[in-house]
Amino acid sequence: MIRKYLKDDYTIGRLSINDHYQCETLEDRVRDLQDYNHDGDFDDPGEGKIYGKTAIPPGRYRVTVMFSPKRRRKIPLLHDVPGFKNIQIHAGNSAKDTKGCILVGENKKVGRVLNSRYHEAVIVNLIEGAIFNGEQIFITIKQ
């Protein structure tokens, strides 16, 4: 996933699976969670996380599929995201639907994604198929 448009209230990205374009993504605002100086030492705390209004840090995360009682369906779950819990890839339309999660869909309206349930279902099916075939699934987030 590559973050393309980092706005004040939301972030639009592009999700590819095995180097093939899949859909767009919508996340909360990217905030500077930590800064390091050129020696690699901790320099300052950055902007800091605001609960429900902060995108997860760039990185590589293992993905599994879990049943979400809240959503009443299977949802991709990202593991070991520093400073975040229960980060999912799911349907939604605007940054107010994210709470730190990654929404999937088509960015045909400013600050929104559409047809997200369809894209969520496609992604869940692809991930479950790969897991069934013995693969481990990872998402790499770049900006």
C-alpha atoms as a PDB file:
ATOM      1  CA  MET A   1       0.000   0.000   0.000  1.00  0.00           C
ATOM      2  CA  ILE A   2       1.371   3.360  -0.993  1.00  0.00           C
ATOM      3  CA  ARG A   3       0.021   6.506   0.622  1.00  0.00           C
ATOM      4  CA  LYS A   4      -0.494   9.044  -2.149  1.00  0.00           C
ATOM      5  CA  TYR A   5      -2.400  12.032  -0.761  1.00  0.00           C
ATOM      6  CA  LEU A   6      -1.680  13.057   2.821  1.00  0.00           C
ATOM      7  CA  LYS A   7      -4.352  15.610   3.746  1.00  0.00           C
ATOM      8  CA  ASP A   8      -5.138  17.401   7.021  1.00  0.00           C
ATOM      9  CA  ASP A   9      -8.074  15.130   7.869  1.00  0.00           C
ATOM     10  CA  TYR A  10      -7.488  11.936   5.879  1.00  0.00           C
ATOM     11  CA  THR A  11      -5.034   9.963   3.729  1.00  0.00           C
ATOM     12  CA  ILE A  12      -5.706   8.359   0.346  1.00  0.00           C
ATOM     13  CA  GLY A  13      -3.557   5.459  -0.801  1.00  0.00           C
ATOM     14  CA  ARG A  14      -3.322   2.779  -3.445  1.00  0.00           C
ATOM     15  CA  LEU A  15      -3.423  -0.924  -2.568  1.00  0.00           C
ATOM     16  CA  SER A  16      -1.776  -3.493  -4.786  1.00  0.00           C
ATOM     17  CA  ILE A  17      -1.711  -7.243  -4.232  1.00  0.00           C
ATOM     18  CA  ASN A  18       1.290  -9.067  -5.702  1.00  0.00           C
ATOM     19  CA  ASP A  19       2.135  -5.919  -7.712  1.00  0.00           C
ATOM     20  CA  HIS A  20      -1.362  -5.734  -9.255  1.00  0.00           C
ATOM     21  CA  TYR A  21      -3.542  -2.706  -8.497  1.00  0.00           C
ATOM     22  CA  GLN A  22      -6.499  -3.679  -6.307  1.00  0.00           C
ATOM     23  CA  CYS A  23      -8.232  -0.500  -5.075  1.00  0.00           C
ATOM     24  CA  GLU A  24      -7.747   2.765  -3.222  1.00  0.00           C
ATOM     25  CA  THR A  25      -7.488   3.110   0.549  1.00  0.00           C
ATOM     26  CA  LEU A  26      -8.626   5.726   3.019  1.00  0.00           C
ATOM     27  CA  GLU A  27      -7.035   6.234   6.415  1.00  0.00           C
ATOM     28  CA  ASP A  28      -6.892   8.821   9.133  1.00  0.00           C
ATOM     29  CA  ARG A  29      -4.364  11.634   8.928  1.00  0.00           C
ATOM     30  CA  VAL A  30      -0.700  10.654   8.927  1.00  0.00           C
ATOM     31  CA  ARG A  31       0.940  12.180  11.987  1.00  0.00           C
ATOM     32  CA  ASP A  32       4.602  12.360  12.908  1.00  0.00           C
ATOM     33  CA  LEU A  33       4.631   9.828  15.727  1.00  0.00           C
ATOM     34  CA  GLN A  34       8.369   9.941  16.349  1.00  0.00           C
ATOM     35  CA  ASP A  35      11.459  11.696  15.057  1.00  0.00           C
ATOM     36  CA  TYR A  36      15.027  10.440  15.031  1.00  0.00           C
ATOM     37  CA  ASN A  37      18.219  12.380  14.446  1.00  0.00           C
ATOM     38  CA  HIS A  38      20.796  11.325  11.851  1.00  0.00           C
ATOM     39  CA  ASP A  39      22.584   9.082  14.359  1.00  0.00           C
ATOM     40  CA  GLY A  40      19.452   6.976  14.773  1.00  0.00           C
ATOM     41  CA  ASP A  41      18.904   8.192  18.345  1.00  0.00           C
ATOM     42  CA  PHE A  42      15.538   9.316  19.634  1.00  0.00           C
ATOM     43  CA  ASP A  43      15.289  13.064  19.090  1.00  0.00           C
ATOM     44  CA  ASP A  44      11.746  14.195  19.939  1.00  0.00           C
ATOM     45  CA  PRO A  45       8.302  12.615  20.378  1.00  0.00           C
ATOM     46  CA  GLY A  46       6.826  14.045  17.158  1.00  0.00           C
ATOM     47  CA  GLU A  47       3.186  15.151  16.934  1.00  0.00           C
ATOM     48  CA  GLY A  48       1.875  12.233  18.879  1.00  0.00           C
ATOM     49  CA  LYS A  49      -1.052   9.922  18.324  1.00  0.00           C
ATOM     50  CA  ILE A  50      -4.619  11.169  18.587  1.00  0.00           C
ATOM     51  CA  TYR A  51      -6.922   8.217  19.230  1.00  0.00           C
ATOM     52  CA  GLY A  52      -9.231   7.549  16.293  1.00  0.00           C
ATOM     53  CA  LYS A  53      -7.626  10.258  14.162  1.00  0.00           C
ATOM     54  CA  THR A  54      -4.165   8.889  13.383  1.00  0.00           C
ATOM     55  CA  ALA A  55      -2.985   6.559  10.604  1.00  0.00           C
ATOM     56  CA  ILE A  56      -0.762   3.658  11.599  1.00  0.00           C
ATOM     57  CA  PRO A  57       3.007   3.988  11.076  1.00  0.00           C
ATOM     58  CA  PRO A  58       4.519   2.876   7.766  1.00  0.00           C
ATOM     59  CA  GLY A  59       5.930  -0.626   7.971  1.00  0.00           C
ATOM     60  CA  ARG A  60       5.377  -4.286   7.224  1.00  0.00           C
ATOM     61  CA  TYR A  61       2.655  -6.099   9.154  1.00  0.00           C
ATOM     62  CA  ARG A  62       1.407  -9.682   9.176  1.00  0.00           C
ATOM     63  CA  VAL A  63      -2.253 -10.020   8.157  1.00  0.00           C
ATOM     64  CA  THR A  64      -4.751 -12.703   9.154  1.00  0.00           C
ATOM     65  CA  VAL A  65      -8.517 -12.938   8.793  1.00  0.00           C
ATOM     66  CA  MET A  66     -10.739 -12.902  11.882  1.00  0.00           C
ATOM     67  CA  PHE A  67     -14.451 -12.860  12.514  1.00  0.00           C
ATOM     68  CA  SER A  68     -15.487  -9.409  13.767  1.00  0.00           C
ATOM     69  CA  PRO A  69     -18.457  -9.585  16.148  1.00  0.00           C
ATOM     70  CA  LYS A  70     -18.983  -5.833  15.650  1.00  0.00           C
ATOM     71  CA  ARG A  71     -19.128  -6.105  11.850  1.00  0.00           C
ATOM     72  CA  ARG A  72     -20.586  -9.670  11.851  1.00  0.00           C
ATOM     73  CA  ARG A  73     -18.270 -10.857   9.109  1.00  0.00           C
ATOM     74  CA  LYS A  74     -14.646 -11.842   8.489  1.00  0.00           C
ATOM     75  CA  ILE A  75     -12.173  -8.948   8.374  1.00  0.00           C
ATOM     76  CA  PRO A  76      -8.406  -8.749   7.702  1.00  0.00           C
ATOM     77  CA  LEU A  77      -6.492  -7.967  10.901  1.00  0.00           C
ATOM     78  CA  LEU A  78      -2.998  -6.409  11.047  1.00  0.00           C
ATOM     79  CA  HIS A  79      -0.681  -7.751  13.772  1.00  0.00           C
ATOM     80  CA  ASP A  80       1.903  -6.001  15.941  1.00  0.00           C
ATOM     81  CA  VAL A  81       1.231  -2.406  14.845  1.00  0.00           C
ATOM     82  CA  PRO A  82       3.283  -0.246  17.262  1.00  0.00           C
ATOM     83  CA  GLY A  83       1.033   1.850  19.491  1.00  0.00           C
ATOM     84  CA  PHE A  84      -2.206   0.528  17.945  1.00  0.00           C
ATOM     85  CA  LYS A  85      -4.606  -2.342  18.678  1.00  0.00           C
ATOM     86  CA  ASN A  86      -7.181  -4.155  16.545  1.00  0.00           C
ATOM     87  CA  ILE A  87      -6.202  -2.517  13.243  1.00  0.00           C
ATOM     88  CA  GLN A  88      -8.354  -3.920  10.469  1.00  0.00           C
ATOM     89  CA  ILE A  89      -8.900  -3.545   6.736  1.00  0.00           C
ATOM     90  CA  HIS A  90     -12.625  -2.970   6.309  1.00  0.00           C
ATOM     91  CA  ALA A  91     -15.458  -1.192   4.542  1.00  0.00           C
ATOM     92  CA  GLY A  92     -16.286   2.428   5.253  1.00  0.00           C
ATOM     93  CA  ASN A  93     -16.605   5.683   3.398  1.00  0.00           C
ATOM     94  CA  SER A  94     -14.855   8.521   5.248  1.00  0.00           C
ATOM     95  CA  ALA A  95     -12.113   9.134   7.801  1.00  0.00           C
ATOM     96  CA  LYS A  96     -14.712   9.138  10.581  1.00  0.00           C
ATOM     97  CA  ASP A  97     -15.222   5.415   9.828  1.00  0.00           C
ATOM     98  CA  THR A  98     -11.555   4.450  10.275  1.00  0.00           C
ATOM     99  CA  LYS A  99     -10.457   4.768  13.934  1.00  0.00           C
ATOM    100  CA  GLY A 100      -6.927   4.002  12.692  1.00  0.00           C
ATOM    101  CA  CYS A 101      -8.014   1.183  10.368  1.00  0.00           C
ATOM    102  CA  ILE A 102      -7.585   0.990   6.596  1.00  0.00           C
ATOM    103  CA  LEU A 103     -10.719   1.445   4.508  1.00  0.00           C
ATOM    104  CA  VAL A 104     -10.805   0.059   0.969  1.00  0.00           C
ATOM    105  CA  GLY A 105     -12.802   1.189  -2.051  1.00  0.00           C
ATOM    106  CA  GLU A 106     -12.836   3.593  -4.973  1.00  0.00           C
ATOM    107  CA  ASN A 107     -11.758   7.209  -4.407  1.00  0.00           C
ATOM    108  CA  LYS A 108     -14.340   8.844  -6.680  1.00  0.00           C
ATOM    109  CA  LYS A 109     -15.288  11.609  -4.220  1.00  0.00           C
ATOM    110  CA  VAL A 110     -12.885  13.902  -2.392  1.00  0.00           C
ATOM    111  CA  GLY A 111     -11.972  12.429   1.002  1.00  0.00           C
ATOM    112  CA  ARG A 112     -14.126   9.332   0.537  1.00  0.00           C
ATOM    113  CA  VAL A 113     -14.064   5.791  -0.831  1.00  0.00           C
ATOM    114  CA  LEU A 114     -17.065   4.124  -2.453  1.00  0.00           C
ATOM    115  CA  ASN A 115     -18.044   0.494  -3.128  1.00  0.00           C
ATOM    116  CA  SER A 116     -16.078  -0.484  -0.058  1.00  0.00           C
ATOM    117  CA  ARG A 117     -18.066  -3.611   0.872  1.00  0.00           C
ATOM    118  CA  TYR A 118     -17.312  -5.105  -2.531  1.00  0.00           C
ATOM    119  CA  HIS A 119     -13.561  -4.385  -2.246  1.00  0.00           C
ATOM    120  CA  GLU A 120     -13.462  -5.657   1.334  1.00  0.00           C
ATOM    121  CA  ALA A 121     -15.060  -8.964   0.246  1.00  0.00           C
ATOM    122  CA  VAL A 122     -12.607  -9.386  -2.649  1.00  0.00           C
ATOM    123  CA  ILE A 123      -9.630  -8.770  -0.354  1.00  0.00           C
ATOM    124  CA  VAL A 124     -10.927 -11.167   2.323  1.00  0.00           C
ATOM    125  CA  ASN A 125     -11.382 -13.886  -0.319  1.00  0.00           C
ATOM    126  CA  LEU A 126      -7.868 -13.354  -1.710  1.00  0.00           C
ATOM    127  CA  ILE A 127      -6.291 -13.446   1.751  1.00  0.00           C
ATOM    128  CA  GLU A 128      -8.256 -16.544   2.829  1.00  0.00           C
ATOM    129  CA  GLY A 129      -7.296 -18.338  -0.380  1.00  0.00           C
ATOM    130  CA  ALA A 130      -3.617 -17.580   0.166  1.00  0.00           C
ATOM    131  CA  ILE A 131      -3.786 -18.673   3.812  1.00  0.00           C
ATOM    132  CA  PHE A 132      -5.556 -21.897   2.759  1.00  0.00           C
ATOM    133  CA  ASN A 133      -2.611 -22.519   0.409  1.00  0.00           C
ATOM    134  CA  GLY A 134      -0.191 -22.196   3.332  1.00  0.00           C
ATOM    135  CA  GLU A 135       1.016 -18.659   2.648  1.00  0.00           C
ATOM    136  CA  GLN A 136       1.702 -16.018   5.271  1.00  0.00           C
ATOM    137  CA  ILE A 137       0.231 -12.661   4.338  1.00  0.00           C
ATOM    138  CA  PHE A 138       1.873  -9.284   4.916  1.00  0.00           C
ATOM    139  CA  ILE A 139       1.009  -5.710   4.064  1.00  0.00           C
ATOM    140  CA  THR A 140       3.745  -3.146   3.527  1.00  0.00           C
ATOM    141  CA  ILE A 141       2.694   0.470   4.015  1.00  0.00           C
ATOM    142  CA  LYS A 142       4.827   3.154   2.371  1.00  0.00           C
ATOM    143  CA  GLN A 143       4.517   6.905   2.107  1.00  0.00           C
END
